[in-house]
C-alpha atoms as a PDB file:
ATOM      1  CA  MET A   1      -0.048  -0.055  -0.025  1.00  0.00           C
ATOM      2  CA  THR A   2       1.214   3.491  -0.759  1.00  0.00           C
ATOM      3  CA  PRO A   3       1.387   5.847   2.309  1.00  0.00           C
ATOM      4  CA  LEU A   4      -0.252   9.304   2.275  1.00  0.00           C
ATOM      5  CA  THR A   5       3.265  10.790   1.964  1.00  0.00           C
ATOM      6  CA  GLY A   6       4.196   8.719  -1.058  1.00  0.00           C
ATOM      7  CA  ALA A   7       7.681   7.159  -1.727  1.00  0.00           C
ATOM      8  CA  GLN A   8      10.065   7.107   1.285  1.00  0.00           C
ATOM      9  CA  TYR A   9      13.660   8.016   0.571  1.00  0.00           C
ATOM     10  CA  GLU A  10      16.026   7.057   3.445  1.00  0.00           C
ATOM     11  CA  ILE A  11      19.532   8.316   3.402  1.00  0.00           C
ATOM     12  CA  SER A  12      22.175   7.846   6.049  1.00  0.00           C
ATOM     13  CA  GLY A  13      25.862   8.434   6.884  1.00  0.00           C
ATOM     14  CA  ALA A  14      28.248   9.469   9.563  1.00  0.00           C
ATOM     15  CA  GLY A  15      25.528   8.737  12.281  1.00  0.00           C
ATOM     16  CA  TYR A  16      22.818  10.676  10.601  1.00  0.00           C
ATOM     17  CA  ARG A  17      19.697   9.146   9.054  1.00  0.00           C
ATOM     18  CA  ALA A  18      16.941  11.212   7.168  1.00  0.00           C
ATOM     19  CA  THR A  19      13.784  10.265   5.517  1.00  0.00           C
ATOM     20  CA  ILE A  20      12.414  12.394   2.550  1.00  0.00           C
ATOM     21  CA  THR A  21       8.891  11.833   1.269  1.00  0.00           C
ATOM     22  CA  GLY A  22       7.692  11.757  -2.327  1.00  0.00           C
ATOM     23  CA  LEU A  23       4.926  14.150  -1.123  1.00  0.00           C
ATOM     24  CA  GLY A  24       6.455  17.689  -1.355  1.00  0.00           C
ATOM     25  CA  ALA A  25       9.968  16.462  -1.113  1.00  0.00           C
ATOM     26  CA  GLY A  26       9.516  16.964   2.760  1.00  0.00           C
ATOM     27  CA  LEU A  27      11.868  16.091   5.459  1.00  0.00           C
ATOM     28  CA  ARG A  28       9.898  13.437   7.570  1.00  0.00           C
ATOM     29  CA  GLU A  29      12.594  12.241   9.840  1.00  0.00           C
ATOM     30  CA  LEU A  30      16.067  13.209  10.878  1.00  0.00           C
ATOM     31  CA  SER A  31      18.074  11.593  13.650  1.00  0.00           C
ATOM     32  CA  TYR A  32      21.711  11.554  14.809  1.00  0.00           C
ATOM     33  CA  GLN A  33      23.110   8.406  16.525  1.00  0.00           C
ATOM     34  CA  GLY A  34      19.454   7.114  16.949  1.00  0.00           C
ATOM     35  CA  GLU A  35      18.118  10.308  18.639  1.00  0.00           C
ATOM     36  CA  PRO A  36      15.779  12.556  16.733  1.00  0.00           C
ATOM     37  CA  ALA A  37      16.883  16.028  15.659  1.00  0.00           C
ATOM     38  CA  ILE A  38      13.537  16.966  14.310  1.00  0.00           C
ATOM     39  CA  ASP A  39       9.879  16.246  15.425  1.00  0.00           C
ATOM     40  CA  GLY A  40       8.863  13.868  12.636  1.00  0.00           C
ATOM     41  CA  TYR A  41       5.762  11.989  11.842  1.00  0.00           C
ATOM     42  CA  GLN A  42       4.528   8.716  10.432  1.00  0.00           C
ATOM     43  CA  PRO A  43       4.591   7.709   6.705  1.00  0.00           C
ATOM     44  CA  ASP A  44       0.776   7.607   6.574  1.00  0.00           C
ATOM     45  CA  GLU A  45       0.207  10.811   8.340  1.00  0.00           C
ATOM     46  CA  LEU A  46       0.166  14.296   6.538  1.00  0.00           C
ATOM     47  CA  PRO A  47       2.809  16.630   7.805  1.00  0.00           C
ATOM     48  CA  PRO A  48       1.408  18.154  11.073  1.00  0.00           C
ATOM     49  CA  GLY A  49       1.791  21.909  11.033  1.00  0.00           C
ATOM     50  CA  ALA A  50       3.665  21.845   7.830  1.00  0.00           C
ATOM     51  CA  ALA A  51       6.423  19.756   9.565  1.00  0.00           C
ATOM     52  CA  GLY A  52       9.465  19.304   7.469  1.00  0.00           C
ATOM     53  CA  GLU A  53       7.832  20.787   4.243  1.00  0.00           C
ATOM     54  CA  LEU A  54       9.635  22.877   1.618  1.00  0.00           C
ATOM     55  CA  LEU A  55       7.720  26.075   0.903  1.00  0.00           C
ATOM     56  CA  LEU A  56       7.724  27.022  -2.850  1.00  0.00           C
ATOM     57  CA  PRO A  57       7.399  29.444  -4.741  1.00  0.00           C
ATOM     58  CA  TRP A  58       6.930  31.540  -1.657  1.00  0.00           C
ATOM     59  CA  PRO A  59       7.220  30.820   2.120  1.00  0.00           C
ATOM     60  CA  ASN A  60       4.582  31.897   4.690  1.00  0.00           C
ATOM     61  CA  ARG A  61       1.660  33.889   3.731  1.00  0.00           C
ATOM     62  CA  VAL A  62       0.205  36.073   0.919  1.00  0.00           C
ATOM     63  CA  ASP A  63      -2.383  38.540   2.287  1.00  0.00           C
ATOM     64  CA  GLU A  64      -5.909  37.390   0.928  1.00  0.00           C
ATOM     65  CA  GLY A  65      -3.806  35.443  -1.725  1.00  0.00           C
ATOM     66  CA  ARG A  66      -3.683  38.475  -3.929  1.00  0.00           C
ATOM     67  CA  TYR A  67      -0.582  40.242  -5.295  1.00  0.00           C
ATOM     68  CA  THR A  68       0.437  42.174  -8.411  1.00  0.00           C
ATOM     69  CA  TRP A  69       3.309  41.192 -10.680  1.00  0.00           C
ATOM     70  CA  GLY A  70       4.418  42.766 -13.809  1.00  0.00           C
ATOM     71  CA  GLY A  71       1.297  44.944 -13.837  1.00  0.00           C
ATOM     72  CA  GLU A  72      -1.073  41.858 -13.465  1.00  0.00           C
ATOM     73  CA  THR A  73      -3.080  41.259 -10.463  1.00  0.00           C
ATOM     74  CA  CYS A  74      -2.982  37.488  -9.434  1.00  0.00           C
ATOM     75  CA  GLN A  75      -5.395  35.665  -7.214  1.00  0.00           C
ATOM     76  CA  LEU A  76      -4.275  32.540  -5.353  1.00  0.00           C
ATOM     77  CA  ASP A  77      -6.406  29.969  -3.878  1.00  0.00           C
ATOM     78  CA  LEU A  78      -6.816  30.596  -0.132  1.00  0.00           C
ATOM     79  CA  SER A  79      -5.028  27.707   1.309  1.00  0.00           C
ATOM     80  CA  GLU A  80      -5.395  29.081   4.862  1.00  0.00           C
ATOM     81  CA  PRO A  81      -9.085  29.929   4.650  1.00  0.00           C
ATOM     82  CA  ALA A  82      -9.702  30.670   8.314  1.00  0.00           C
ATOM     83  CA  ALA A  83      -7.322  33.530   8.093  1.00  0.00           C
ATOM     84  CA  GLY A  84      -7.923  34.431   4.459  1.00  0.00           C
ATOM     85  CA  ASN A  85      -4.506  33.834   3.190  1.00  0.00           C
ATOM     86  CA  ALA A  86      -2.587  31.764   0.727  1.00  0.00           C
ATOM     87  CA  ILE A  87       0.116  29.901   2.693  1.00  0.00           C
ATOM     88  CA  HIS A  88       3.406  28.087   2.021  1.00  0.00           C
ATOM     89  CA  GLY A  89       3.391  27.882  -1.694  1.00  0.00           C
ATOM     90  CA  LEU A  90       2.262  25.333  -4.213  1.00  0.00           C
ATOM     91  CA  THR A  91       4.541  22.335  -4.241  1.00  0.00           C
ATOM     92  CA  ARG A  92       4.154  20.749  -0.741  1.00  0.00           C
ATOM     93  CA  TRP A  93       1.141  18.708  -1.818  1.00  0.00           C
ATOM     94  CA  ALA A  94       2.777  17.828  -5.182  1.00  0.00           C
ATOM     95  CA  THR A  95       4.360  14.426  -6.060  1.00  0.00           C
ATOM     96  CA  TRP A  96       7.996  14.901  -6.573  1.00  0.00           C
ATOM     97  CA  ARG A  97      10.123  12.549  -8.853  1.00  0.00           C
ATOM     98  CA  GLN A  98      13.371  11.007  -8.048  1.00  0.00           C
ATOM     99  CA  VAL A  99      16.361  12.381 -10.127  1.00  0.00           C
ATOM    100  CA  SER A 100      19.239  10.502  -8.367  1.00  0.00           C
ATOM    101  CA  ARG A 101      19.818   8.461  -5.343  1.00  0.00           C
ATOM    102  CA  ALA A 102      22.813   7.146  -3.273  1.00  0.00           C
ATOM    103  CA  PRO A 103      23.067   5.728   0.181  1.00  0.00           C
ATOM    104  CA  ASP A 104      23.790   9.196   1.666  1.00  0.00           C
ATOM    105  CA  ALA A 105      21.979  11.598  -0.718  1.00  0.00           C
ATOM    106  CA  VAL A 106      18.784  11.833  -2.841  1.00  0.00           C
ATOM    107  CA  ARG A 107      17.663  14.461  -5.355  1.00  0.00           C
ATOM    108  CA  LEU A 108      13.999  15.046  -6.187  1.00  0.00           C
ATOM    109  CA  ALA A 109      12.283  17.357  -8.669  1.00  0.00           C
ATOM    110  CA  VAL A 110       9.016  18.760  -9.544  1.00  0.00           C
ATOM    111  CA  THR A 111       7.698  20.749 -12.638  1.00  0.00           C
ATOM    112  CA  LEU A 112       5.446  23.704 -11.429  1.00  0.00           C
ATOM    113  CA  LEU A 113       3.418  24.604 -14.427  1.00  0.00           C
ATOM    114  CA  GLY A 114       1.406  27.837 -14.640  1.00  0.00           C
ATOM    115  CA  ARG A 115      -1.987  27.813 -12.813  1.00  0.00           C
ATOM    116  CA  SER A 116      -4.585  30.364 -11.673  1.00  0.00           C
ATOM    117  CA  GLY A 117      -2.905  32.750  -9.356  1.00  0.00           C
ATOM    118  CA  TYR A 118       0.582  31.843 -10.473  1.00  0.00           C
ATOM    119  CA  PRO A 119       0.909  31.996 -14.312  1.00  0.00           C
ATOM    120  CA  PHE A 120       4.529  31.056 -14.343  1.00  0.00           C
ATOM    121  CA  CYS A 121       6.660  27.945 -14.978  1.00  0.00           C
ATOM    122  CA  LEU A 122       9.406  26.615 -12.750  1.00  0.00           C
ATOM    123  CA  GLU A 123      11.640  23.485 -12.608  1.00  0.00           C
ATOM    124  CA  ILE A 124      12.532  22.862  -9.106  1.00  0.00           C
ATOM    125  CA  ASP A 125      15.201  20.450  -7.740  1.00  0.00           C
ATOM    126  CA  ALA A 126      15.735  19.535  -4.104  1.00  0.00           C
ATOM    127  CA  GLY A 127      18.921  17.833  -3.138  1.00  0.00           C
ATOM    128  CA  TYR A 128      19.343  16.146   0.409  1.00  0.00           C
ATOM    129  CA  ARG A 129      22.661  14.763   1.720  1.00  0.00           C
ATOM    130  CA  VAL A 130      24.149  13.776   4.937  1.00  0.00           C
ATOM    131  CA  THR A 131      27.855  14.071   5.838  1.00  0.00           C
ATOM    132  CA  ALA A 132      29.891  14.251   9.029  1.00  0.00           C
ATOM    133  CA  ALA A 133      28.783  17.903   9.192  1.00  0.00           C
ATOM    134  CA  GLY A 134      25.116  16.984   9.177  1.00  0.00           C
ATOM    135  CA  LEU A 135      22.126  17.314   6.813  1.00  0.00           C
ATOM    136  CA  GLU A 136      22.502  19.829   3.870  1.00  0.00           C
ATOM    137  CA  VAL A 137      19.712  20.775   1.622  1.00  0.00           C
ATOM    138  CA  THR A 138      19.978  22.592  -1.632  1.00  0.00           C
ATOM    139  CA  VAL A 139      16.990  23.944  -3.519  1.00  0.00           C
ATOM    140  CA  THR A 140      17.324  25.124  -7.171  1.00  0.00           C
ATOM    141  CA  ALA A 141      14.570  26.652  -9.202  1.00  0.00           C
ATOM    142  CA  SER A 142      14.948  27.216 -12.921  1.00  0.00           C
ATOM    143  CA  ASN A 143      12.643  29.065 -15.214  1.00  0.00           C
ATOM    144  CA  PRO A 144      11.907  27.326 -18.501  1.00  0.00           C
ATOM    145  CA  GLY A 145       9.088  29.514 -19.467  1.00  0.00           C
ATOM    146  CA  SER A 146       8.684  32.827 -21.224  1.00  0.00           C
ATOM    147  CA  ARG A 147       7.932  35.142 -18.250  1.00  0.00           C
ATOM    148  CA  ALA A 148      10.002  36.187 -15.341  1.00  0.00           C
ATOM    149  CA  ALA A 149       8.600  34.487 -12.134  1.00  0.00           C
ATOM    150  CA  PRO A 150       8.338  35.782  -8.550  1.00  0.00           C
ATOM    151  CA  TYR A 151      10.010  33.421  -6.212  1.00  0.00           C
ATOM    152  CA  GLY A 152      10.943  32.730  -2.690  1.00  0.00           C
ATOM    153  CA  VAL A 153      11.862  29.462  -0.913  1.00  0.00           C
ATOM    154  CA  GLY A 154      11.655  28.313   2.811  1.00  0.00           C
ATOM    155  CA  ALA A 155      11.592  25.117   4.717  1.00  0.00           C
ATOM    156  CA  HIS A 156       9.625  24.104   7.917  1.00  0.00           C
ATOM    157  CA  PRO A 157      11.729  21.781  10.168  1.00  0.00           C
ATOM    158  CA  TYR A 158      10.712  21.429  13.805  1.00  0.00           C
ATOM    159  CA  LEU A 159      14.012  21.139  15.891  1.00  0.00           C
ATOM    160  CA  THR A 160      14.139  19.086  19.012  1.00  0.00           C
ATOM    161  CA  ALA A 161      16.928  18.652  21.477  1.00  0.00           C
ATOM    162  CA  GLY A 162      15.154  15.670  23.078  1.00  0.00           C
ATOM    163  CA  LEU A 163      13.473  17.345  25.930  1.00  0.00           C
ATOM    164  CA  PRO A 164       9.593  17.032  26.272  1.00  0.00           C
ATOM    165  CA  GLN A 165       9.041  20.663  26.008  1.00  0.00           C
ATOM    166  CA  ILE A 166      10.940  23.520  24.433  1.00  0.00           C
ATOM    167  CA  ASP A 167      10.365  25.614  27.512  1.00  0.00           C
ATOM    168  CA  ASP A 168      13.201  23.692  29.149  1.00  0.00           C
ATOM    169  CA  CYS A 169      15.642  24.370  26.210  1.00  0.00           C
ATOM    170  CA  GLU A 170      17.918  27.285  25.546  1.00  0.00           C
ATOM    171  CA  LEU A 171      18.027  29.162  22.185  1.00  0.00           C
ATOM    172  CA  GLU A 172      20.716  31.249  20.632  1.00  0.00           C
ATOM    173  CA  LEU A 173      19.636  33.072  17.411  1.00  0.00           C
ATOM    174  CA  PRO A 174      21.764  36.182  16.396  1.00  0.00           C
ATOM    175  CA  ALA A 175      19.185  38.258  14.608  1.00  0.00           C
ATOM    176  CA  GLN A 176      19.098  41.974  14.998  1.00  0.00           C
ATOM    177  CA  GLN A 177      15.446  42.603  13.933  1.00  0.00           C
ATOM    178  CA  TRP A 178      11.942  41.022  14.207  1.00  0.00           C
ATOM    179  CA  LEU A 179       8.847  41.600  12.078  1.00  0.00           C
ATOM    180  CA  PRO A 180       5.740  42.351  14.077  1.00  0.00           C
ATOM    181  CA  ALA A 181       2.669  40.531  12.621  1.00  0.00           C
ATOM    182  CA  ASP A 182      -1.180  40.741  13.150  1.00  0.00           C
ATOM    183  CA  ASP A 183      -3.468  37.899  14.158  1.00  0.00           C
ATOM    184  CA  ARG A 184      -3.639  36.714  10.625  1.00  0.00           C
ATOM    185  CA  GLY A 185       0.237  36.356  10.352  1.00  0.00           C
ATOM    186  CA  ILE A 186       0.528  39.293   8.078  1.00  0.00           C
ATOM    187  CA  PRO A 187       3.270  41.885   8.894  1.00  0.00           C
ATOM    188  CA  ALA A 188       2.045  44.795  10.824  1.00  0.00           C
ATOM    189  CA  GLY A 189       4.899  47.281  10.230  1.00  0.00           C
ATOM    190  CA  PRO A 190       8.538  47.421   9.349  1.00  0.00           C
ATOM    191  CA  ALA A 191      11.231  45.235  10.972  1.00  0.00           C
ATOM    192  CA  ARG A 192      12.083  46.429  14.448  1.00  0.00           C
ATOM    193  CA  ASP A 193      15.117  46.055  16.782  1.00  0.00           C
ATOM    194  CA  VAL A 194      14.928  42.976  18.954  1.00  0.00           C
ATOM    195  CA  ALA A 195      16.426  44.679  22.058  1.00  0.00           C
ATOM    196  CA  GLY A 196      14.102  44.450  24.940  1.00  0.00           C
ATOM    197  CA  THR A 197      11.612  42.186  23.209  1.00  0.00           C
ATOM    198  CA  PRO A 198      10.814  38.571  23.619  1.00  0.00           C
ATOM    199  CA  ALA A 199      12.420  37.936  20.239  1.00  0.00           C
ATOM    200  CA  ASP A 200      15.938  38.751  21.499  1.00  0.00           C
ATOM    201  CA  PHE A 201      17.918  35.583  21.554  1.00  0.00           C
ATOM    202  CA  ARG A 202      21.133  37.133  20.416  1.00  0.00           C
ATOM    203  CA  ALA A 203      22.533  35.772  23.693  1.00  0.00           C
ATOM    204  CA  ARG A 204      21.708  32.182  24.571  1.00  0.00           C
ATOM    205  CA  ARG A 205      18.912  32.010  27.045  1.00  0.00           C
ATOM    206  CA  ALA A 206      16.060  29.794  28.165  1.00  0.00           C
ATOM    207  CA  ILE A 207      12.910  29.816  25.876  1.00  0.00           C
ATOM    208  CA  GLY A 208      10.716  29.516  28.942  1.00  0.00           C
ATOM    209  CA  GLY A 209       7.047  30.631  28.174  1.00  0.00           C
ATOM    210  CA  THR A 210       8.147  32.775  25.254  1.00  0.00           C
ATOM    211  CA  ARG A 211       5.463  32.600  22.282  1.00  0.00           C
ATOM    212  CA  LEU A 212       6.684  33.298  18.863  1.00  0.00           C
ATOM    213  CA  ASP A 213       5.524  32.975  15.284  1.00  0.00           C
ATOM    214  CA  HIS A 214       7.582  35.791  13.770  1.00  0.00           C
ATOM    215  CA  ALA A 215      10.172  36.289  11.086  1.00  0.00           C
ATOM    216  CA  LEU A 216      13.660  37.574  12.171  1.00  0.00           C
ATOM    217  CA  THR A 217      16.277  39.236  10.055  1.00  0.00           C
ATOM    218  CA  GLY A 218      19.600  41.053  10.281  1.00  0.00           C
ATOM    219  CA  LEU A 219      21.271  37.718  10.718  1.00  0.00           C
ATOM    220  CA  ALA A 220      24.931  37.509  11.877  1.00  0.00           C
ATOM    221  CA  ARG A 221      26.960  35.081   9.724  1.00  0.00           C
ATOM    222  CA  ASP A 222      30.005  33.070   9.959  1.00  0.00           C
ATOM    223  CA  SER A 223      33.037  33.281   7.517  1.00  0.00           C
ATOM    224  CA  GLY A 224      31.233  30.821   5.277  1.00  0.00           C
ATOM    225  CA  GLY A 225      28.117  33.071   4.983  1.00  0.00           C
ATOM    226  CA  ARG A 226      25.909  30.871   7.146  1.00  0.00           C
ATOM    227  CA  ALA A 227      23.544  32.119   9.957  1.00  0.00           C
ATOM    228  CA  TRP A 228      23.049  29.743  12.675  1.00  0.00           C
ATOM    229  CA  ALA A 229      20.239  29.037  15.233  1.00  0.00           C
ATOM    230  CA  ARG A 230      21.163  26.803  18.083  1.00  0.00           C
ATOM    231  CA  LEU A 231      18.647  24.900  20.271  1.00  0.00           C
ATOM    232  CA  SER A 232      20.279  23.215  23.385  1.00  0.00           C
ATOM    233  CA  GLY A 233      19.011  20.817  25.893  1.00  0.00           C
ATOM    234  CA  GLY A 234      19.562  17.486  27.594  1.00  0.00           C
ATOM    235  CA  GLY A 235      23.269  17.702  26.759  1.00  0.00           C
ATOM    236  CA  ARG A 236      22.677  18.159  22.988  1.00  0.00           C
ATOM    237  CA  GLN A 237      22.660  21.054  20.649  1.00  0.00           C
ATOM    238  CA  VAL A 238      20.665  20.895  17.502  1.00  0.00           C
ATOM    239  CA  ALA A 239      21.679  23.891  15.044  1.00  0.00           C
ATOM    240  CA  LEU A 240      20.118  24.917  11.805  1.00  0.00           C
ATOM    241  CA  TRP A 241      22.092  26.992   9.515  1.00  0.00           C
ATOM    242  CA  ALA A 242      20.972  29.211   6.572  1.00  0.00           C
ATOM    243  CA  GLY A 243      23.103  29.870   3.712  1.00  0.00           C
ATOM    244  CA  PRO A 244      23.683  33.047   1.623  1.00  0.00           C
ATOM    245  CA  GLY A 245      20.399  34.392   0.361  1.00  0.00           C
ATOM    246  CA  CYS A 246      18.367  32.983   3.184  1.00  0.00           C
ATOM    247  CA  GLY A 247      17.999  36.317   4.951  1.00  0.00           C
ATOM    248  CA  TRP A 248      15.100  35.469   7.235  1.00  0.00           C
ATOM    249  CA  LEU A 249      14.342  32.879   9.951  1.00  0.00           C
ATOM    250  CA  GLN A 250      10.713  32.263  10.949  1.00  0.00           C
ATOM    251  CA  VAL A 251      10.660  31.045  14.552  1.00  0.00           C
ATOM    252  CA  PHE A 252       7.372  29.271  15.711  1.00  0.00           C
ATOM    253  CA  THR A 253       7.030  27.841  19.165  1.00  0.00           C
ATOM    254  CA  GLY A 254       3.903  25.841  18.012  1.00  0.00           C
ATOM    255  CA  ASP A 255       1.405  27.021  20.647  1.00  0.00           C
ATOM    256  CA  PRO A 256      -1.614  27.031  18.194  1.00  0.00           C
ATOM    257  CA  LEU A 257      -0.936  23.387  17.461  1.00  0.00           C
ATOM    258  CA  GLY A 258      -2.237  22.350  20.879  1.00  0.00           C
ATOM    259  CA  PRO A 259      -1.231  19.058  22.462  1.00  0.00           C
ATOM    260  CA  PRO A 260       0.522  16.793  21.908  1.00  0.00           C
ATOM    261  CA  ARG A 261       2.595  18.686  19.392  1.00  0.00           C
ATOM    262  CA  GLY A 262       2.386  22.241  20.646  1.00  0.00           C
ATOM    263  CA  ARG A 263       5.676  23.490  22.220  1.00  0.00           C
ATOM    264  CA  ARG A 264       7.266  20.014  21.899  1.00  0.00           C
ATOM    265  CA  ALA A 265       9.646  21.352  19.301  1.00  0.00           C
ATOM    266  CA  LEU A 266      10.729  24.550  17.827  1.00  0.00           C
ATOM    267  CA  ALA A 267      10.211  25.430  14.171  1.00  0.00           C
ATOM    268  CA  VAL A 268      13.109  27.429  12.659  1.00  0.00           C
ATOM    269  CA  GLU A 269      12.353  28.175   9.160  1.00  0.00           C
ATOM    270  CA  PRO A 270      15.142  29.399   6.812  1.00  0.00           C
ATOM    271  CA  MET A 271      13.447  31.823   4.161  1.00  0.00           C
ATOM    272  CA  THR A 272      14.645  33.966   1.395  1.00  0.00           C
ATOM    273  CA  CYS A 273      11.794  36.567   1.948  1.00  0.00           C
ATOM    274  CA  PRO A 274       9.513  37.367   4.794  1.00  0.00           C
ATOM    275  CA  PRO A 275       5.680  36.770   5.010  1.00  0.00           C
ATOM    276  CA  ASN A 276       3.585  38.657   2.513  1.00  0.00           C
ATOM    277  CA  ALA A 277       6.599  39.343   0.391  1.00  0.00           C
ATOM    278  CA  PHE A 278       4.686  39.073  -2.872  1.00  0.00           C
ATOM    279  CA  ASN A 279       2.844  42.227  -1.826  1.00  0.00           C
ATOM    280  CA  SER A 280       5.707  44.137  -0.039  1.00  0.00           C
ATOM    281  CA  GLY A 281       8.304  43.084  -2.583  1.00  0.00           C
ATOM    282  CA  THR A 282      10.764  42.642   0.246  1.00  0.00           C
ATOM    283  CA  ASP A 283      13.506  40.224  -0.890  1.00  0.00           C
ATOM    284  CA  VAL A 284      11.306  38.685  -3.637  1.00  0.00           C
ATOM    285  CA  LEU A 285      13.463  37.193  -6.312  1.00  0.00           C
ATOM    286  CA  SER A 286      12.642  37.462 -10.106  1.00  0.00           C
ATOM    287  CA  VAL A 287      13.648  34.241 -11.828  1.00  0.00           C
ATOM    288  CA  ALA A 288      14.205  35.342 -15.590  1.00  0.00           C
ATOM    289  CA  PRO A 289      13.355  32.992 -18.442  1.00  0.00           C
ATOM    290  CA  GLY A 290      16.386  30.651 -18.785  1.00  0.00           C
ATOM    291  CA  GLY A 291      17.629  31.759 -15.331  1.00  0.00           C
ATOM    292  CA  SER A 292      17.991  29.808 -12.037  1.00  0.00           C
ATOM    293  CA  VAL A 293      18.492  30.488  -8.444  1.00  0.00           C
ATOM    294  CA  SER A 294      19.965  28.177  -5.682  1.00  0.00           C
ATOM    295  CA  HIS A 295      19.724  28.154  -1.898  1.00  0.00           C
ATOM    296  CA  SER A 296      21.151  25.896   0.901  1.00  0.00           C
ATOM    297  CA  TRP A 297      20.367  25.205   4.497  1.00  0.00           C
ATOM    298  CA  GLY A 298      21.127  22.453   6.969  1.00  0.00           C
ATOM    299  CA  ILE A 299      21.017  20.821  10.322  1.00  0.00           C
ATOM    300  CA  GLN A 300      23.891  19.720  12.526  1.00  0.00           C
ATOM    301  CA  VAL A 301      23.900  17.888  15.857  1.00  0.00           C
ATOM    302  CA  THR A 302      26.724  18.255  18.413  1.00  0.00           C
ATOM    303  CA  PRO A 303      27.302  17.886  22.099  1.00  0.00           C
ATOM    304  CA  ASP A 304      26.076  20.892  24.014  1.00  0.00           C
ATOM    305  CA  ARG A 305      29.165  23.104  25.207  1.00  0.00           C
END
């Protein structure tokens, strides 16, 4: 029987094991030395709270599903009907095809043809591999069509350090600014300094009862251009890195999910653009005909320092 999430692509190496699904090319499981690094789900279960999904060709929300591109007003289906938004793109419920596979790596692809609300064409390739440095994911979008396409990419892993609740974990996330949002998840003003706010995790500290579902930016980066978010607890540290071009991290404490998943893990979502970017224009990419763009992110597990 075929599970709801389709084909299951397991890769492993250097103590890491990951399972990627044919449905949406999502990251269903990731473990290191037998201990989970993300809050996963079962093969015959739809991804709860967008767990592990790739978010293409936009991450997060489009206000009322409506935007203008090249002078044309486009109306997307409202995939978050209760809030009146289009959310998390168009490929997470698509069936992706295998391009290549090895014991420690797999590449999947999908062709996104034009549709109501997104009259553009994209060929999208997602490569997953594990090494001693952890999991690395690279997503490439190419435009085989005749029109420049608006584009953004994100991902939705829920990190877990192995403790029952994230309240007991510590977080370090060197972001200088956060984006306030209204009760529909739409930005309610420009990005603001995190100083003195609950979103300030520039110095490692306990999450406690902090509730977040906000985009952060102004990310400090290492010499390789990577921005790191580090979740620590139980003697382990699970770190997510966002490569060049991923200028935003959405941090979600999961409170609206309720039990048993709410606050069990922390979603740290690398994104190339913020919520409602198709309307604000902030960091939206234009993929020209014949052009392509590529972005990477990853997860690494280490002993806590």
